[in-house]
Structures are given as C-alpha cells and as structure tokens.
Amino acid sequence: MSRLQSFYGRIRRTVQLLSNGRVQPVELPLFSAEEGYDRWAASYGEELTAVQVLESPILVELIPDVKDRRVLDLGCGTGRVSELAMAHGAKITVGVDLSREMLQRAVGSTKSTKSFWLAGDGLHLPFVSESFDVVICALTMGHLRDIEGGLAQIHRVLRLGGTLLLSDFHPYATFRGDTRSFLNPKDGKTYAIEQHCHLFEHYFECFNKLGIHLEDLREPQFEGFPLVFVMRAKKISV
C-alpha cells in the first residue's frame, strides 16, 4: 500500500468515526454505467431517493432561460430533464444516454414531438461545435473517469455565452462510500453502478482551462452531510 493510499485510508476511517457509525460501506456487485442502467431501467423512478428529493428542486430553481432555445440533456435517462426543459419552453431537446433501455423508457414516456433521443456517451458527442444554447448534465459526470474529456465535449457543443447546469453526487458522499445502487426485482439483489469521485478542485481546474465561468453552486445536505451538488456555469470563451 502506498503512503497516499494509507493517508486516504486514515481520512476515511476518521470520516466514519465522525459520522457516528452511520457510514458502513457494503461491497456490492458492480456494473458499468451502461449495463447497470440497462438492468435498472424497468424499475427506475418507482421510488424517490434522497438524491432526487434534494437535487430536483434546485435544478428547477437554477435552470436558465430555455425558451426557444436548444437544450442538450446529457445522461438523459428516462427524460426527466428534457421534460423540465420543454415545460419551460425549450425549442428542442436532445437526450443522450449510454443505456438503450433507459432511452426506450424516455421514448415511451415523452409527450413532445420536439424531444429527440440518441444513444451515445459523454466523451464522444456526435454534434458540431456550438450546437446547443444550454447543456444540462444531471447525475451523470461521476460515471465518467475522464472529467476533463467530458467537460471539454460539453464546452465544444455549447455556444459562446451558453449555460451549463450540472448536478451529481457530492464528492464527499462518494468518498465516504455512498453508491448509486438499485434493487433488481428479477433476483432480489442489490447492485451498484460504477462511479468516480471528482473533487470541486478538478471541476474548477477544468473550468478555468476551458473558459467556463461558475455562476452558482449548491450543496444540499441529508442527515447533516452534503449528498449532492448542483452548479450553474457559463461558457465565456471558445
């Protein structure tokens, strides 16, 4: 074990002690984002989670003016963000997701003829530069190991002056062992989906490098600990 690993191990044990024993990570069978969400799709959204309860109202509060604008819903899942954008008057929405099963849910539930769905990943977006006025990336970035590559793609497809609205598991929550997990009704077992811890330092370093200006950052708490974050930013240079 390296000195750095030992150091992080001590921090993690300290966090567990400070949490009064509430943090007890359990090793779960782990799936990639694509396979995990394919398996989760049939039952996804049946029960509200603490993450959704905390994150959704802040997304609504921070969503920019999307009226008559083109919106990319990156990591769209079942399409909840596209529905939100359409409700606020978006010109079109394009939802992109790795999971074809989740996309099928989105297609089946959408009511708008101006919402479109595409299988793809955040590191290889099939759009020309400056295609969108707004990019909303909800609870997705942690599935990408390469945060700089993901943010570079967002920056590329976002027009100058356009807005990025991004939410995800709080890095503290990921660090202390919280997982994106689901119960598979077919076998009654709980599974986790691969996620990566990206510190705010990483986000801000990428923002500064790419030319993205942070406008707002929220860190709602659950049981006294930050569980998710929502940030809004603007593309200020090409």
C-alpha atoms as a PDB file:
ATOM      1  CA  MET A   1       0.000   0.000   0.000  1.00  0.00           C
ATOM      2  CA  SER A   2       1.376   3.422  -0.953  1.00  0.00           C
ATOM      3  CA  ARG A   3       1.728   6.272   1.530  1.00  0.00           C
ATOM      4  CA  LEU A   4      -1.019   8.133  -0.348  1.00  0.00           C
ATOM      5  CA  GLN A   5      -3.414   5.169  -0.101  1.00  0.00           C
ATOM      6  CA  SER A   6      -2.609   4.864   3.599  1.00  0.00           C
ATOM      7  CA  PHE A   7      -3.297   8.566   4.059  1.00  0.00           C
ATOM      8  CA  TYR A   8      -6.697   8.349   2.363  1.00  0.00           C
ATOM      9  CA  GLY A   9      -7.477   5.248   4.390  1.00  0.00           C
ATOM     10  CA  ARG A  10      -6.916   7.172   7.624  1.00  0.00           C
ATOM     11  CA  ILE A  11      -9.127  10.003   6.400  1.00  0.00           C
ATOM     12  CA  ARG A  12     -11.891   7.581   5.506  1.00  0.00           C
ATOM     13  CA  ARG A  13     -11.775   5.909   8.926  1.00  0.00           C
ATOM     14  CA  THR A  14     -11.918   9.357  10.543  1.00  0.00           C
ATOM     15  CA  VAL A  15     -14.958  10.274   8.471  1.00  0.00           C
ATOM     16  CA  GLN A  16     -16.672   7.076   9.576  1.00  0.00           C
ATOM     17  CA  LEU A  17     -15.997   7.874  13.233  1.00  0.00           C
ATOM     18  CA  LEU A  18     -17.285  11.428  12.834  1.00  0.00           C
ATOM     19  CA  SER A  19     -20.417  10.035  11.223  1.00  0.00           C
ATOM     20  CA  ASN A  20     -21.250   8.139  14.435  1.00  0.00           C
ATOM     21  CA  GLY A  21     -21.075   4.819  12.694  1.00  0.00           C
ATOM     22  CA  ARG A  22     -23.609   5.681  10.004  1.00  0.00           C
ATOM     23  CA  VAL A  23     -21.099   5.057   7.228  1.00  0.00           C
ATOM     24  CA  GLN A  24     -20.743   1.339   6.752  1.00  0.00           C
ATOM     25  CA  PRO A  25     -19.819   0.714   3.118  1.00  0.00           C
ATOM     26  CA  VAL A  26     -21.003  -2.622   1.792  1.00  0.00           C
ATOM     27  CA  GLU A  27     -19.325  -4.286  -1.151  1.00  0.00           C
ATOM     28  CA  LEU A  28     -21.952  -4.753  -3.852  1.00  0.00           C
ATOM     29  CA  PRO A  29     -21.732  -6.397  -7.284  1.00  0.00           C
ATOM     30  CA  LEU A  30     -20.579  -3.616  -9.596  1.00  0.00           C
ATOM     31  CA  PHE A  31     -21.805  -2.835 -13.109  1.00  0.00           C
ATOM     32  CA  SER A  32     -20.645  -0.335 -15.701  1.00  0.00           C
ATOM     33  CA  ALA A  33     -22.986   2.613 -16.244  1.00  0.00           C
ATOM     34  CA  GLU A  34     -24.340   1.149 -19.467  1.00  0.00           C
ATOM     35  CA  GLU A  35     -25.052  -2.323 -18.111  1.00  0.00           C
ATOM     36  CA  GLY A  36     -26.215  -1.063 -14.737  1.00  0.00           C
ATOM     37  CA  TYR A  37     -28.802   1.331 -16.122  1.00  0.00           C
ATOM     38  CA  ASP A  38     -29.953  -1.236 -18.666  1.00  0.00           C
ATOM     39  CA  ARG A  39     -30.759  -3.511 -15.726  1.00  0.00           C
ATOM     40  CA  TRP A  40     -32.231  -0.711 -13.619  1.00  0.00           C
ATOM     41  CA  ALA A  41     -34.381   0.791 -16.371  1.00  0.00           C
ATOM     42  CA  ALA A  42     -37.506  -1.306 -15.789  1.00  0.00           C
ATOM     43  CA  SER A  43     -37.889  -0.140 -12.177  1.00  0.00           C
ATOM     44  CA  TYR A  44     -36.079   3.213 -12.348  1.00  0.00           C
ATOM     45  CA  GLY A  45     -38.016   6.043 -10.728  1.00  0.00           C
ATOM     46  CA  GLU A  46     -40.536   3.860  -8.914  1.00  0.00           C
ATOM     47  CA  GLU A  47     -39.310   5.175  -5.571  1.00  0.00           C
ATOM     48  CA  LEU A  48     -37.961   8.646  -4.833  1.00  0.00           C
ATOM     49  CA  THR A  49     -34.447   8.705  -3.427  1.00  0.00           C
ATOM     50  CA  ALA A  50     -32.855  11.266  -1.124  1.00  0.00           C
ATOM     51  CA  VAL A  51     -30.669  12.341  -4.051  1.00  0.00           C
ATOM     52  CA  GLN A  52     -33.692  13.119  -6.225  1.00  0.00           C
ATOM     53  CA  VAL A  53     -35.540  14.880  -3.405  1.00  0.00           C
ATOM     54  CA  LEU A  54     -32.557  17.161  -2.797  1.00  0.00           C
ATOM     55  CA  GLU A  55     -31.455  17.688  -6.392  1.00  0.00           C
ATOM     56  CA  SER A  56     -34.679  18.174  -8.371  1.00  0.00           C
ATOM     57  CA  PRO A  57     -35.954  21.420  -6.782  1.00  0.00           C
ATOM     58  CA  ILE A  58     -32.534  23.038  -7.158  1.00  0.00           C
ATOM     59  CA  LEU A  59     -32.439  22.097 -10.843  1.00  0.00           C
ATOM     60  CA  VAL A  60     -35.793  23.825 -11.216  1.00  0.00           C
ATOM     61  CA  GLU A  61     -34.532  26.880  -9.325  1.00  0.00           C
ATOM     62  CA  LEU A  62     -31.291  27.227 -11.282  1.00  0.00           C
ATOM     63  CA  ILE A  63     -32.468  26.290 -14.773  1.00  0.00           C
ATOM     64  CA  PRO A  64     -31.624  29.174 -17.128  1.00  0.00           C
ATOM     65  CA  ASP A  65     -33.994  30.742 -19.629  1.00  0.00           C
ATOM     66  CA  VAL A  66     -34.528  27.948 -22.167  1.00  0.00           C
ATOM     67  CA  LYS A  67     -37.459  29.457 -24.021  1.00  0.00           C
ATOM     68  CA  ASP A  68     -36.981  28.907 -27.778  1.00  0.00           C
ATOM     69  CA  ARG A  69     -33.503  27.503 -27.140  1.00  0.00           C
ATOM     70  CA  ARG A  70     -31.769  24.235 -27.969  1.00  0.00           C
ATOM     71  CA  VAL A  71     -31.115  22.054 -24.934  1.00  0.00           C
ATOM     72  CA  LEU A  72     -28.840  19.028 -24.628  1.00  0.00           C
ATOM     73  CA  ASP A  73     -29.920  16.599 -21.908  1.00  0.00           C
ATOM     74  CA  LEU A  74     -26.664  14.710 -21.336  1.00  0.00           C
ATOM     75  CA  GLY A  75     -27.170  11.431 -19.488  1.00  0.00           C
ATOM     76  CA  CYS A  76     -30.895  11.807 -20.037  1.00  0.00           C
ATOM     77  CA  GLY A  77     -32.054   8.515 -18.513  1.00  0.00           C
ATOM     78  CA  THR A  78     -35.838   8.392 -18.683  1.00  0.00           C
ATOM     79  CA  GLY A  79     -36.038  12.008 -19.870  1.00  0.00           C
ATOM     80  CA  ARG A  80     -36.982  13.952 -16.741  1.00  0.00           C
ATOM     81  CA  VAL A  81     -34.685  16.886 -17.583  1.00  0.00           C
ATOM     82  CA  SER A  82     -35.953  17.060 -21.161  1.00  0.00           C
ATOM     83  CA  GLU A  83     -39.497  17.240 -19.783  1.00  0.00           C
ATOM     84  CA  LEU A  84     -38.414  20.050 -17.452  1.00  0.00           C
ATOM     85  CA  ALA A  85     -36.838  21.979 -20.323  1.00  0.00           C
ATOM     86  CA  MET A  86     -39.900  21.520 -22.519  1.00  0.00           C
ATOM     87  CA  ALA A  87     -42.128  22.727 -19.705  1.00  0.00           C
ATOM     88  CA  HIS A  88     -40.022  25.904 -19.660  1.00  0.00           C
ATOM     89  CA  GLY A  89     -40.467  26.480 -23.406  1.00  0.00           C
ATOM     90  CA  ALA A  90     -37.373  24.906 -24.977  1.00  0.00           C
ATOM     91  CA  LYS A  91     -37.271  24.940 -28.774  1.00  0.00           C
ATOM     92  CA  ILE A  92     -35.924  21.377 -28.937  1.00  0.00           C
ATOM     93  CA  THR A  93     -34.313  18.933 -26.516  1.00  0.00           C
ATOM     94  CA  VAL A  94     -31.866  16.189 -27.418  1.00  0.00           C
ATOM     95  CA  GLY A  95     -31.356  13.448 -24.861  1.00  0.00           C
ATOM     96  CA  VAL A  96     -28.165  11.366 -24.956  1.00  0.00           C
ATOM     97  CA  ASP A  97     -27.577   8.270 -22.857  1.00  0.00           C
ATOM     98  CA  LEU A  98     -25.425   5.127 -22.870  1.00  0.00           C
ATOM     99  CA  SER A  99     -28.314   2.889 -21.842  1.00  0.00           C
ATOM    100  CA  ARG A 100     -30.659   1.911 -24.663  1.00  0.00           C
ATOM    101  CA  GLU A 101     -33.116   0.534 -22.116  1.00  0.00           C
ATOM    102  CA  MET A 102     -33.349   3.923 -20.410  1.00  0.00           C
ATOM    103  CA  LEU A 103     -33.758   5.580 -23.799  1.00  0.00           C
ATOM    104  CA  GLN A 104     -36.666   3.251 -24.538  1.00  0.00           C
ATOM    105  CA  ARG A 105     -38.284   4.457 -21.318  1.00  0.00           C
ATOM    106  CA  ALA A 106     -37.747   8.056 -22.420  1.00  0.00           C
ATOM    107  CA  VAL A 107     -39.213   7.441 -25.878  1.00  0.00           C
ATOM    108  CA  GLY A 108     -42.228   5.688 -24.371  1.00  0.00           C
ATOM    109  CA  SER A 109     -42.995   8.449 -21.897  1.00  0.00           C
ATOM    110  CA  THR A 110     -42.275  11.604 -23.905  1.00  0.00           C
ATOM    111  CA  LYS A 111     -45.207  13.724 -24.980  1.00  0.00           C
ATOM    112  CA  SER A 112     -43.326  16.235 -27.098  1.00  0.00           C
ATOM    113  CA  THR A 113     -42.608  15.987 -30.808  1.00  0.00           C
ATOM    114  CA  LYS A 114     -39.630  18.294 -30.246  1.00  0.00           C
ATOM    115  CA  SER A 115     -37.714  15.903 -27.987  1.00  0.00           C
ATOM    116  CA  PHE A 116     -35.172  13.603 -29.600  1.00  0.00           C
ATOM    117  CA  TRP A 117     -33.176  10.684 -28.192  1.00  0.00           C
ATOM    118  CA  LEU A 118     -29.781   9.327 -29.078  1.00  0.00           C
ATOM    119  CA  ALA A 119     -27.538   6.534 -27.786  1.00  0.00           C
ATOM    120  CA  GLY A 120     -24.060   7.863 -27.067  1.00  0.00           C
ATOM    121  CA  ASP A 121     -21.519   8.743 -24.393  1.00  0.00           C
ATOM    122  CA  GLY A 122     -20.262  11.990 -22.943  1.00  0.00           C
ATOM    123  CA  LEU A 123     -16.737  11.643 -24.304  1.00  0.00           C
ATOM    124  CA  HIS A 124     -17.763  11.433 -27.970  1.00  0.00           C
ATOM    125  CA  LEU A 125     -20.739  13.713 -28.581  1.00  0.00           C
ATOM    126  CA  PRO A 126     -21.865  13.464 -32.249  1.00  0.00           C
ATOM    127  CA  PHE A 127     -22.695  17.150 -32.664  1.00  0.00           C
ATOM    128  CA  VAL A 128     -20.978  20.037 -34.422  1.00  0.00           C
ATOM    129  CA  SER A 129     -19.468  22.734 -32.257  1.00  0.00           C
ATOM    130  CA  GLU A 130     -21.823  25.245 -30.614  1.00  0.00           C
ATOM    131  CA  SER A 131     -24.938  23.177 -31.349  1.00  0.00           C
ATOM    132  CA  PHE A 132     -26.728  23.979 -28.084  1.00  0.00           C
ATOM    133  CA  ASP A 133     -27.708  27.025 -26.058  1.00  0.00           C
ATOM    134  CA  VAL A 134     -27.984  25.038 -22.819  1.00  0.00           C
ATOM    135  CA  VAL A 135     -26.452  21.768 -21.647  1.00  0.00           C
ATOM    136  CA  ILE A 136     -27.970  20.033 -18.631  1.00  0.00           C
ATOM    137  CA  CYS A 137     -25.948  17.154 -17.236  1.00  0.00           C
ATOM    138  CA  ALA A 138     -27.798  15.670 -14.267  1.00  0.00           C
ATOM    139  CA  LEU A 139     -26.286  12.947 -12.052  1.00  0.00           C
ATOM    140  CA  THR A 140     -24.022  11.783 -14.857  1.00  0.00           C
ATOM    141  CA  MET A 141     -20.492  13.204 -14.663  1.00  0.00           C
ATOM    142  CA  GLY A 142     -19.433  10.787 -11.930  1.00  0.00           C
ATOM    143  CA  HIS A 143     -19.847   7.911 -14.366  1.00  0.00           C
ATOM    144  CA  LEU A 144     -17.024   9.344 -16.476  1.00  0.00           C
ATOM    145  CA  ARG A 145     -13.494   8.553 -15.397  1.00  0.00           C
ATOM    146  CA  ASP A 146     -12.193  11.380 -17.606  1.00  0.00           C
ATOM    147  CA  ILE A 147     -13.836  14.524 -16.242  1.00  0.00           C
ATOM    148  CA  GLU A 148     -11.697  16.835 -18.365  1.00  0.00           C
ATOM    149  CA  GLY A 149     -12.694  14.995 -21.526  1.00  0.00           C
ATOM    150  CA  GLY A 150     -16.373  15.148 -20.585  1.00  0.00           C
ATOM    151  CA  LEU A 151     -16.299  18.861 -19.779  1.00  0.00           C
ATOM    152  CA  ALA A 152     -14.312  19.559 -22.968  1.00  0.00           C
ATOM    153  CA  GLN A 153     -17.077  17.927 -25.013  1.00  0.00           C
ATOM    154  CA  ILE A 154     -19.722  19.977 -23.215  1.00  0.00           C
ATOM    155  CA  HIS A 155     -17.701  23.147 -23.820  1.00  0.00           C
ATOM    156  CA  ARG A 156     -17.341  22.285 -27.516  1.00  0.00           C
ATOM    157  CA  VAL A 157     -21.047  21.749 -28.224  1.00  0.00           C
ATOM    158  CA  LEU A 158     -22.179  24.714 -26.098  1.00  0.00           C
ATOM    159  CA  ARG A 159     -22.431  28.070 -27.831  1.00  0.00           C
ATOM    160  CA  LEU A 160     -20.468  31.047 -26.555  1.00  0.00           C
ATOM    161  CA  GLY A 161     -22.495  32.557 -23.716  1.00  0.00           C
ATOM    162  CA  GLY A 162     -24.444  29.332 -23.281  1.00  0.00           C
ATOM    163  CA  THR A 163     -25.207  27.800 -19.894  1.00  0.00           C
ATOM    164  CA  LEU A 164     -24.196  24.509 -18.296  1.00  0.00           C
ATOM    165  CA  LEU A 165     -26.389  23.176 -15.490  1.00  0.00           C
ATOM    166  CA  LEU A 166     -24.707  20.226 -13.809  1.00  0.00           C
ATOM    167  CA  SER A 167     -25.582  18.049 -10.838  1.00  0.00           C
ATOM    168  CA  ASP A 168     -24.031  14.948  -9.346  1.00  0.00           C
ATOM    169  CA  PHE A 169     -23.263  13.001  -6.208  1.00  0.00           C
ATOM    170  CA  HIS A 170     -21.287  15.235  -3.881  1.00  0.00           C
ATOM    171  CA  PRO A 171     -17.598  14.222  -3.838  1.00  0.00           C
ATOM    172  CA  TYR A 172     -17.838  13.895  -0.063  1.00  0.00           C
ATOM    173  CA  ALA A 173     -20.681  11.387  -0.405  1.00  0.00           C
ATOM    174  CA  THR A 174     -18.728   9.343  -2.929  1.00  0.00           C
ATOM    175  CA  PHE A 175     -15.598   9.483  -0.792  1.00  0.00           C
ATOM    176  CA  ARG A 176     -17.409   8.274   2.314  1.00  0.00           C
ATOM    177  CA  GLY A 177     -18.774   5.241   0.474  1.00  0.00           C
ATOM    178  CA  ASP A 178     -22.238   6.201  -0.806  1.00  0.00           C
ATOM    179  CA  THR A 179     -23.067   4.354  -4.028  1.00  0.00           C
ATOM    180  CA  ARG A 180     -25.553   4.530  -6.870  1.00  0.00           C
ATOM    181  CA  SER A 181     -27.293   1.275  -6.161  1.00  0.00           C
ATOM    182  CA  PHE A 182     -30.566  -0.380  -7.101  1.00  0.00           C
ATOM    183  CA  LEU A 183     -32.618  -3.419  -6.243  1.00  0.00           C
ATOM    184  CA  ASN A 184     -33.071  -5.784  -9.163  1.00  0.00           C
ATOM    185  CA  PRO A 185     -36.628  -7.162  -8.860  1.00  0.00           C
ATOM    186  CA  LYS A 186     -35.694 -10.162 -11.017  1.00  0.00           C
ATOM    187  CA  ASP A 187     -33.344 -11.659  -8.457  1.00  0.00           C
ATOM    188  CA  GLY A 188     -33.994  -9.557  -5.347  1.00  0.00           C
ATOM    189  CA  LYS A 189     -30.340  -8.491  -5.165  1.00  0.00           C
ATOM    190  CA  THR A 190     -28.858  -5.014  -4.823  1.00  0.00           C
ATOM    191  CA  TYR A 191     -26.265  -3.825  -7.315  1.00  0.00           C
ATOM    192  CA  ALA A 192     -24.027  -0.779  -7.578  1.00  0.00           C
ATOM    193  CA  ILE A 193     -23.072   1.243 -10.659  1.00  0.00           C
ATOM    194  CA  GLU A 194     -19.516   2.377 -11.243  1.00  0.00           C
ATOM    195  CA  GLN A 195     -18.846   5.970 -10.277  1.00  0.00           C
ATOM    196  CA  HIS A 196     -15.782   8.152  -9.833  1.00  0.00           C
ATOM    197  CA  CYS A 197     -15.045  10.846  -7.279  1.00  0.00           C
ATOM    198  CA  HIS A 198     -14.366  14.221  -8.892  1.00  0.00           C
ATOM    199  CA  LEU A 199     -13.423  16.935  -6.423  1.00  0.00           C
ATOM    200  CA  PHE A 200     -14.565  20.514  -6.928  1.00  0.00           C
ATOM    201  CA  GLU A 201     -10.898  21.337  -7.429  1.00  0.00           C
ATOM    202  CA  HIS A 202     -10.996  19.155 -10.544  1.00  0.00           C
ATOM    203  CA  TYR A 203     -14.111  20.890 -11.854  1.00  0.00           C
ATOM    204  CA  PHE A 204     -12.713  24.378 -11.276  1.00  0.00           C
ATOM    205  CA  GLU A 205      -9.368  23.489 -12.825  1.00  0.00           C
ATOM    206  CA  CYS A 206     -11.154  22.275 -15.962  1.00  0.00           C
ATOM    207  CA  PHE A 207     -13.469  25.299 -15.995  1.00  0.00           C
ATOM    208  CA  ASN A 208     -10.507  27.683 -15.872  1.00  0.00           C
ATOM    209  CA  LYS A 209      -8.682  25.779 -18.587  1.00  0.00           C
ATOM    210  CA  LEU A 210     -11.670  25.589 -20.928  1.00  0.00           C
ATOM    211  CA  GLY A 211     -13.158  29.030 -20.389  1.00  0.00           C
ATOM    212  CA  ILE A 212     -16.203  28.238 -18.272  1.00  0.00           C
ATOM    213  CA  HIS A 213     -17.309  30.626 -15.532  1.00  0.00           C
ATOM    214  CA  LEU A 214     -19.005  29.255 -12.409  1.00  0.00           C
ATOM    215  CA  GLU A 215     -22.136  31.252 -11.544  1.00  0.00           C
ATOM    216  CA  ASP A 216     -23.701  29.263  -8.712  1.00  0.00           C
ATOM    217  CA  LEU A 217     -23.022  26.203  -6.563  1.00  0.00           C
ATOM    218  CA  ARG A 218     -25.417  24.497  -4.155  1.00  0.00           C
ATOM    219  CA  GLU A 219     -24.612  21.644  -1.739  1.00  0.00           C
ATOM    220  CA  PRO A 220     -27.839  20.386  -0.115  1.00  0.00           C
ATOM    221  CA  GLN A 221     -27.400  18.136   2.893  1.00  0.00           C
ATOM    222  CA  PHE A 222     -29.019  14.913   4.021  1.00  0.00           C
ATOM    223  CA  GLU A 223     -28.754  13.991   7.694  1.00  0.00           C
ATOM    224  CA  GLY A 224     -26.111  16.664   8.163  1.00  0.00           C
ATOM    225  CA  PHE A 225     -23.887  15.660   5.240  1.00  0.00           C
ATOM    226  CA  PRO A 226     -23.693  17.023   1.672  1.00  0.00           C
ATOM    227  CA  LEU A 227     -25.168  14.365  -0.587  1.00  0.00           C
ATOM    228  CA  VAL A 228     -25.430  16.067  -3.975  1.00  0.00           C
ATOM    229  CA  PHE A 229     -24.362  19.301  -5.615  1.00  0.00           C
ATOM    230  CA  VAL A 230     -25.794  21.461  -8.356  1.00  0.00           C
ATOM    231  CA  MET A 231     -23.751  24.048 -10.222  1.00  0.00           C
ATOM    232  CA  ARG A 232     -24.564  26.513 -12.969  1.00  0.00           C
ATOM    233  CA  ALA A 233     -21.846  27.883 -15.230  1.00  0.00           C
ATOM    234  CA  LYS A 234     -21.454  29.857 -18.462  1.00  0.00           C
ATOM    235  CA  LYS A 235     -19.163  29.385 -21.460  1.00  0.00           C
ATOM    236  CA  ILE A 236     -17.165  32.606 -21.690  1.00  0.00           C
ATOM    237  CA  SER A 237     -14.523  31.723 -24.292  1.00  0.00           C
ATOM    238  CA  VAL A 238     -14.114  29.357 -27.242  1.00  0.00           C
END
